[in-house]
């Protein structure tokens, strides 16, 4: 939940607050949970997403497309211990492979911050958090067929953005906090 909050809010302190608010909302709405059939993860991520959107509205902002580099820079030292599971820290990778993996991850998150909010939602939920199409449809309150077609378009948009950012001369950006979570 914290990682999703970081992706939406781009601020670790605010993400922590919203993650805590999410737990309060979960507790208050526990009676509305429809049980194992619907799945706990989609339900929690739905509440998390709504809390993030509410916070952005409260702050007077739409889903932000600002650079993630500021929040990533704040966490560089404190996230080193948390990033032990990140692919570039793996003892199985050579230093060259680790660097390539880190650069690919940075490119992905730079591209995500330049895509539409709808694309970001779909990619974050389906590809980064690993939810099934049905779970994403439930979270976004859309029909499964609509999510499938929008997810396909989102992958194309992300791919085009990555190609544009991969052009020579493009600066690199630090990893967003929570990216390895």
C-alpha atoms as a PDB file:
ATOM      1  CA  UNK A   1       0.000   0.000   0.000  1.00  0.00           C
ATOM      2  CA  UNK A   2       2.843   2.375   0.822  1.00  0.00           C
ATOM      3  CA  UNK A   3       4.459   1.764  -2.588  1.00  0.00           C
ATOM      4  CA  UNK A   4       1.193   2.606  -4.349  1.00  0.00           C
ATOM      5  CA  UNK A   5       0.871   5.754  -2.233  1.00  0.00           C
ATOM      6  CA  UNK A   6       4.411   6.755  -3.233  1.00  0.00           C
ATOM      7  CA  UNK A   7       3.585   6.269  -6.899  1.00  0.00           C
ATOM      8  CA  UNK A   8       0.559   8.542  -6.596  1.00  0.00           C
ATOM      9  CA  UNK A   9       1.843  11.169  -4.194  1.00  0.00           C
ATOM     10  CA  UNK A  10       5.612  11.374  -4.858  1.00  0.00           C
ATOM     11  CA  UNK A  11       6.282  12.336  -1.253  1.00  0.00           C
ATOM     12  CA  UNK A  12       7.336   9.814   1.376  1.00  0.00           C
ATOM     13  CA  UNK A  13       5.909  11.670   4.378  1.00  0.00           C
ATOM     14  CA  UNK A  14       2.578  12.188   2.667  1.00  0.00           C
ATOM     15  CA  UNK A  15       2.586   8.576   1.434  1.00  0.00           C
ATOM     16  CA  UNK A  16       3.098   7.369   5.013  1.00  0.00           C
ATOM     17  CA  UNK A  17       0.187   9.490   6.221  1.00  0.00           C
ATOM     18  CA  UNK A  18      -2.108   8.254   3.462  1.00  0.00           C
ATOM     19  CA  UNK A  19      -1.083   4.631   4.097  1.00  0.00           C
ATOM     20  CA  UNK A  20      -2.086   5.138   7.733  1.00  0.00           C
ATOM     21  CA  UNK A  21      -5.357   6.766   6.646  1.00  0.00           C
ATOM     22  CA  UNK A  22      -5.924   3.751   4.430  1.00  0.00           C
ATOM     23  CA  UNK A  23      -5.674   1.406   7.403  1.00  0.00           C
ATOM     24  CA  UNK A  24      -8.195   3.562   9.286  1.00  0.00           C
ATOM     25  CA  UNK A  25     -10.555   3.389   6.278  1.00  0.00           C
ATOM     26  CA  UNK A  26     -10.059  -0.380   6.040  1.00  0.00           C
ATOM     27  CA  UNK A  27     -10.981  -0.749   9.704  1.00  0.00           C
ATOM     28  CA  UNK A  28     -14.043   1.481   9.320  1.00  0.00           C
ATOM     29  CA  UNK A  29     -15.238  -0.376   6.223  1.00  0.00           C
ATOM     30  CA  UNK A  30     -14.414  -3.918   7.317  1.00  0.00           C
ATOM     31  CA  UNK A  31     -18.103  -4.807   7.367  1.00  0.00           C
ATOM     32  CA  UNK A  32     -18.307  -3.971   3.640  1.00  0.00           C
ATOM     33  CA  UNK A  33     -15.591  -6.475   2.708  1.00  0.00           C
ATOM     34  CA  UNK A  34     -17.308  -9.157   0.672  1.00  0.00           C
ATOM     35  CA  UNK A  35     -14.958 -11.913   1.777  1.00  0.00           C
ATOM     36  CA  UNK A  36     -12.423 -14.103   0.041  1.00  0.00           C
ATOM     37  CA  UNK A  37     -14.427 -14.282  -3.189  1.00  0.00           C
ATOM     38  CA  UNK A  38     -13.605 -10.675  -4.072  1.00  0.00           C
ATOM     39  CA  UNK A  39     -10.052 -10.841  -2.769  1.00  0.00           C
ATOM     40  CA  UNK A  40      -8.411  -8.836  -0.042  1.00  0.00           C
ATOM     41  CA  UNK A  41      -5.653  -7.292  -2.173  1.00  0.00           C
ATOM     42  CA  UNK A  42      -7.945  -5.633  -4.733  1.00  0.00           C
ATOM     43  CA  UNK A  43     -10.146  -4.318  -1.937  1.00  0.00           C
ATOM     44  CA  UNK A  44      -7.151  -2.865  -0.063  1.00  0.00           C
ATOM     45  CA  UNK A  45      -5.689  -1.335  -3.229  1.00  0.00           C
ATOM     46  CA  UNK A  46      -9.056   0.197  -4.104  1.00  0.00           C
ATOM     47  CA  UNK A  47      -9.206   1.908  -0.728  1.00  0.00           C
ATOM     48  CA  UNK A  48      -5.552   2.950  -1.037  1.00  0.00           C
ATOM     49  CA  UNK A  49      -6.140   4.435  -4.488  1.00  0.00           C
ATOM     50  CA  UNK A  50      -9.215   6.332  -3.295  1.00  0.00           C
ATOM     51  CA  UNK A  51      -7.334   7.702  -0.274  1.00  0.00           C
ATOM     52  CA  UNK A  52      -4.515   8.899  -2.558  1.00  0.00           C
ATOM     53  CA  UNK A  53      -6.957  10.579  -4.925  1.00  0.00           C
ATOM     54  CA  UNK A  54      -8.753  12.202  -1.970  1.00  0.00           C
ATOM     55  CA  UNK A  55      -5.426  13.533  -0.676  1.00  0.00           C
ATOM     56  CA  UNK A  56      -4.590  14.955  -4.084  1.00  0.00           C
ATOM     57  CA  UNK A  57      -7.972  16.659  -4.251  1.00  0.00           C
ATOM     58  CA  UNK A  58      -7.437  18.018  -0.758  1.00  0.00           C
ATOM     59  CA  UNK A  59      -4.065  19.391  -1.863  1.00  0.00           C
ATOM     60  CA  UNK A  60      -5.765  20.992  -4.856  1.00  0.00           C
ATOM     61  CA  UNK A  61      -3.920  18.876  -7.386  1.00  0.00           C
ATOM     62  CA  UNK A  62      -4.800  16.366 -10.051  1.00  0.00           C
ATOM     63  CA  UNK A  63      -2.848  13.128 -10.218  1.00  0.00           C
ATOM     64  CA  UNK A  64       0.622  14.565 -10.291  1.00  0.00           C
ATOM     65  CA  UNK A  65       2.959  14.307 -13.230  1.00  0.00           C
ATOM     66  CA  UNK A  66       5.762  16.053 -11.386  1.00  0.00           C
ATOM     67  CA  UNK A  67       9.203  14.512 -11.285  1.00  0.00           C
ATOM     68  CA  UNK A  68       9.735  11.670  -8.858  1.00  0.00           C
ATOM     69  CA  UNK A  69      13.375  12.646  -8.505  1.00  0.00           C
ATOM     70  CA  UNK A  70      12.836  14.894  -5.466  1.00  0.00           C
ATOM     71  CA  UNK A  71      11.299  12.174  -3.348  1.00  0.00           C
ATOM     72  CA  UNK A  72      13.775   9.592  -4.581  1.00  0.00           C
ATOM     73  CA  UNK A  73      16.659  11.831  -3.589  1.00  0.00           C
ATOM     74  CA  UNK A  74      15.230  12.181  -0.063  1.00  0.00           C
ATOM     75  CA  UNK A  75      15.189   8.429   0.366  1.00  0.00           C
ATOM     76  CA  UNK A  76      18.520   7.491  -1.237  1.00  0.00           C
ATOM     77  CA  UNK A  77      20.296   6.857   2.062  1.00  0.00           C
ATOM     78  CA  UNK A  78      17.394   5.377   4.014  1.00  0.00           C
ATOM     79  CA  UNK A  79      16.207   3.114   1.212  1.00  0.00           C
ATOM     80  CA  UNK A  80      19.571   1.357   0.747  1.00  0.00           C
ATOM     81  CA  UNK A  81      18.748  -1.186   3.442  1.00  0.00           C
ATOM     82  CA  UNK A  82      15.208  -1.611   2.106  1.00  0.00           C
ATOM     83  CA  UNK A  83      16.470  -2.072  -1.464  1.00  0.00           C
ATOM     84  CA  UNK A  84      18.387  -5.245  -0.623  1.00  0.00           C
ATOM     85  CA  UNK A  85      15.757  -7.203  -2.575  1.00  0.00           C
ATOM     86  CA  UNK A  86      16.178  -4.992  -5.630  1.00  0.00           C
ATOM     87  CA  UNK A  87      17.639  -6.782  -8.667  1.00  0.00           C
ATOM     88  CA  UNK A  88      20.743  -4.599  -8.787  1.00  0.00           C
ATOM     89  CA  UNK A  89      21.653  -5.688  -5.222  1.00  0.00           C
ATOM     90  CA  UNK A  90      21.477  -9.368  -6.081  1.00  0.00           C
ATOM     91  CA  UNK A  91      24.694 -11.321  -5.680  1.00  0.00           C
ATOM     92  CA  UNK A  92      23.654 -13.316  -8.755  1.00  0.00           C
ATOM     93  CA  UNK A  93      24.091 -10.311 -11.064  1.00  0.00           C
ATOM     94  CA  UNK A  94      27.367  -9.002 -12.370  1.00  0.00           C
ATOM     95  CA  UNK A  95      28.004  -5.289 -11.798  1.00  0.00           C
ATOM     96  CA  UNK A  96      27.167  -4.616 -15.462  1.00  0.00           C
ATOM     97  CA  UNK A  97      23.876  -6.525 -15.212  1.00  0.00           C
ATOM     98  CA  UNK A  98      23.019  -4.770 -11.967  1.00  0.00           C
ATOM     99  CA  UNK A  99      23.641  -1.354 -13.531  1.00  0.00           C
ATOM    100  CA  UNK A 100      21.566  -2.248 -16.596  1.00  0.00           C
ATOM    101  CA  UNK A 101      18.712  -3.447 -14.380  1.00  0.00           C
ATOM    102  CA  UNK A 102      18.814  -0.250 -12.334  1.00  0.00           C
ATOM    103  CA  UNK A 103      18.831   1.894 -15.474  1.00  0.00           C
ATOM    104  CA  UNK A 104      15.872  -0.030 -16.928  1.00  0.00           C
ATOM    105  CA  UNK A 105      13.892   0.462 -13.722  1.00  0.00           C
ATOM    106  CA  UNK A 106      14.653   4.189 -13.717  1.00  0.00           C
ATOM    107  CA  UNK A 107      13.590   4.449 -17.350  1.00  0.00           C
ATOM    108  CA  UNK A 108      10.321   2.655 -16.589  1.00  0.00           C
ATOM    109  CA  UNK A 109       9.446   5.028 -13.749  1.00  0.00           C
ATOM    110  CA  UNK A 110      10.445   8.096 -15.786  1.00  0.00           C
ATOM    111  CA  UNK A 111       8.146   6.884 -18.552  1.00  0.00           C
ATOM    112  CA  UNK A 112       5.308   6.203 -16.107  1.00  0.00           C
ATOM    113  CA  UNK A 113       5.430   9.725 -14.738  1.00  0.00           C
ATOM    114  CA  UNK A 114       4.973  11.065 -18.281  1.00  0.00           C
ATOM    115  CA  UNK A 115       1.971   8.913 -19.194  1.00  0.00           C
ATOM    116  CA  UNK A 116      -1.694   9.671 -18.615  1.00  0.00           C
ATOM    117  CA  UNK A 117      -3.164   8.964 -15.159  1.00  0.00           C
ATOM    118  CA  UNK A 118      -5.295   6.177 -16.646  1.00  0.00           C
ATOM    119  CA  UNK A 119      -2.216   4.503 -18.136  1.00  0.00           C
ATOM    120  CA  UNK A 120      -0.352   4.858 -14.854  1.00  0.00           C
ATOM    121  CA  UNK A 121      -3.254   3.258 -12.938  1.00  0.00           C
ATOM    122  CA  UNK A 122      -3.445   0.309 -15.296  1.00  0.00           C
ATOM    123  CA  UNK A 123       0.305  -0.328 -15.440  1.00  0.00           C
ATOM    124  CA  UNK A 124       0.776   0.094 -11.685  1.00  0.00           C
ATOM    125  CA  UNK A 125      -2.070  -2.242 -10.787  1.00  0.00           C
ATOM    126  CA  UNK A 126      -1.700  -4.884 -13.496  1.00  0.00           C
ATOM    127  CA  UNK A 127       2.009  -5.029 -14.226  1.00  0.00           C
ATOM    128  CA  UNK A 128       3.790  -3.648 -11.184  1.00  0.00           C
ATOM    129  CA  UNK A 129       1.456  -4.941  -8.457  1.00  0.00           C
ATOM    130  CA  UNK A 130       0.670  -8.102 -10.444  1.00  0.00           C
ATOM    131  CA  UNK A 131      -3.113  -8.053 -10.165  1.00  0.00           C
ATOM    132  CA  UNK A 132      -5.372 -10.016 -12.495  1.00  0.00           C
ATOM    133  CA  UNK A 133      -7.428  -8.175 -15.107  1.00  0.00           C
ATOM    134  CA  UNK A 134     -10.597  -8.955 -13.134  1.00  0.00           C
ATOM    135  CA  UNK A 135      -9.089  -7.435  -9.981  1.00  0.00           C
ATOM    136  CA  UNK A 136      -8.010  -4.299 -11.862  1.00  0.00           C
ATOM    137  CA  UNK A 137     -11.520  -4.017 -13.320  1.00  0.00           C
ATOM    138  CA  UNK A 138     -12.985  -4.263  -9.824  1.00  0.00           C
ATOM    139  CA  UNK A 139     -10.621  -1.596  -8.447  1.00  0.00           C
ATOM    140  CA  UNK A 140     -11.235   0.821 -11.319  1.00  0.00           C
ATOM    141  CA  UNK A 141     -14.953  -0.032 -11.438  1.00  0.00           C
ATOM    142  CA  UNK A 142     -14.814  -0.835 -15.159  1.00  0.00           C
ATOM    143  CA  UNK A 143     -15.976  -3.833 -17.200  1.00  0.00           C
ATOM    144  CA  UNK A 144     -13.289  -6.492 -17.778  1.00  0.00           C
ATOM    145  CA  UNK A 145     -13.375  -6.009 -21.561  1.00  0.00           C
ATOM    146  CA  UNK A 146     -12.826  -2.273 -21.165  1.00  0.00           C
ATOM    147  CA  UNK A 147      -9.868  -2.871 -18.865  1.00  0.00           C
ATOM    148  CA  UNK A 148      -8.361  -5.323 -21.363  1.00  0.00           C
ATOM    149  CA  UNK A 149      -8.555  -2.850 -24.232  1.00  0.00           C
ATOM    150  CA  UNK A 150      -7.381   0.082 -22.115  1.00  0.00           C
ATOM    151  CA  UNK A 151      -4.516  -2.026 -20.729  1.00  0.00           C
ATOM    152  CA  UNK A 152      -3.425  -2.856 -24.274  1.00  0.00           C
ATOM    153  CA  UNK A 153      -3.461   0.854 -25.185  1.00  0.00           C
ATOM    154  CA  UNK A 154      -1.662   1.676 -21.929  1.00  0.00           C
ATOM    155  CA  UNK A 155       1.146  -0.745 -22.791  1.00  0.00           C
ATOM    156  CA  UNK A 156       1.476   0.886 -26.214  1.00  0.00           C
ATOM    157  CA  UNK A 157       1.543   4.376 -24.692  1.00  0.00           C
ATOM    158  CA  UNK A 158       4.168   3.303 -22.165  1.00  0.00           C
ATOM    159  CA  UNK A 159       6.269   1.655 -24.879  1.00  0.00           C
ATOM    160  CA  UNK A 160       6.145   4.803 -27.010  1.00  0.00           C
ATOM    161  CA  UNK A 161       7.142   6.922 -24.038  1.00  0.00           C
ATOM    162  CA  UNK A 162      10.047   4.592 -23.222  1.00  0.00           C
ATOM    163  CA  UNK A 163      11.257   4.771 -26.829  1.00  0.00           C
ATOM    164  CA  UNK A 164      11.121   8.575 -26.713  1.00  0.00           C
ATOM    165  CA  UNK A 165      12.983   8.682 -23.408  1.00  0.00           C
ATOM    166  CA  UNK A 166      15.566   6.194 -24.651  1.00  0.00           C
ATOM    167  CA  UNK A 167      16.683   8.620 -27.322  1.00  0.00           C
ATOM    168  CA  UNK A 168      20.304   9.761 -26.917  1.00  0.00           C
ATOM    169  CA  UNK A 169      20.734  12.853 -24.807  1.00  0.00           C
ATOM    170  CA  UNK A 170      17.852  12.132 -22.426  1.00  0.00           C
ATOM    171  CA  UNK A 171      18.827  12.628 -18.744  1.00  0.00           C
ATOM    172  CA  UNK A 172      18.430   9.779 -16.279  1.00  0.00           C
ATOM    173  CA  UNK A 173      16.251  10.042 -13.187  1.00  0.00           C
ATOM    174  CA  UNK A 174      16.710   8.442  -9.777  1.00  0.00           C
ATOM    175  CA  UNK A 175      14.413   5.613  -8.707  1.00  0.00           C
ATOM    176  CA  UNK A 176      11.175   6.629  -7.007  1.00  0.00           C
ATOM    177  CA  UNK A 177      10.908   5.652  -3.394  1.00  0.00           C
ATOM    178  CA  UNK A 178       9.111   2.410  -2.866  1.00  0.00           C
ATOM    179  CA  UNK A 179       9.920   1.238  -6.409  1.00  0.00           C
ATOM    180  CA  UNK A 180      11.663  -1.886  -5.180  1.00  0.00           C
ATOM    181  CA  UNK A 181       8.872  -2.702  -2.713  1.00  0.00           C
END
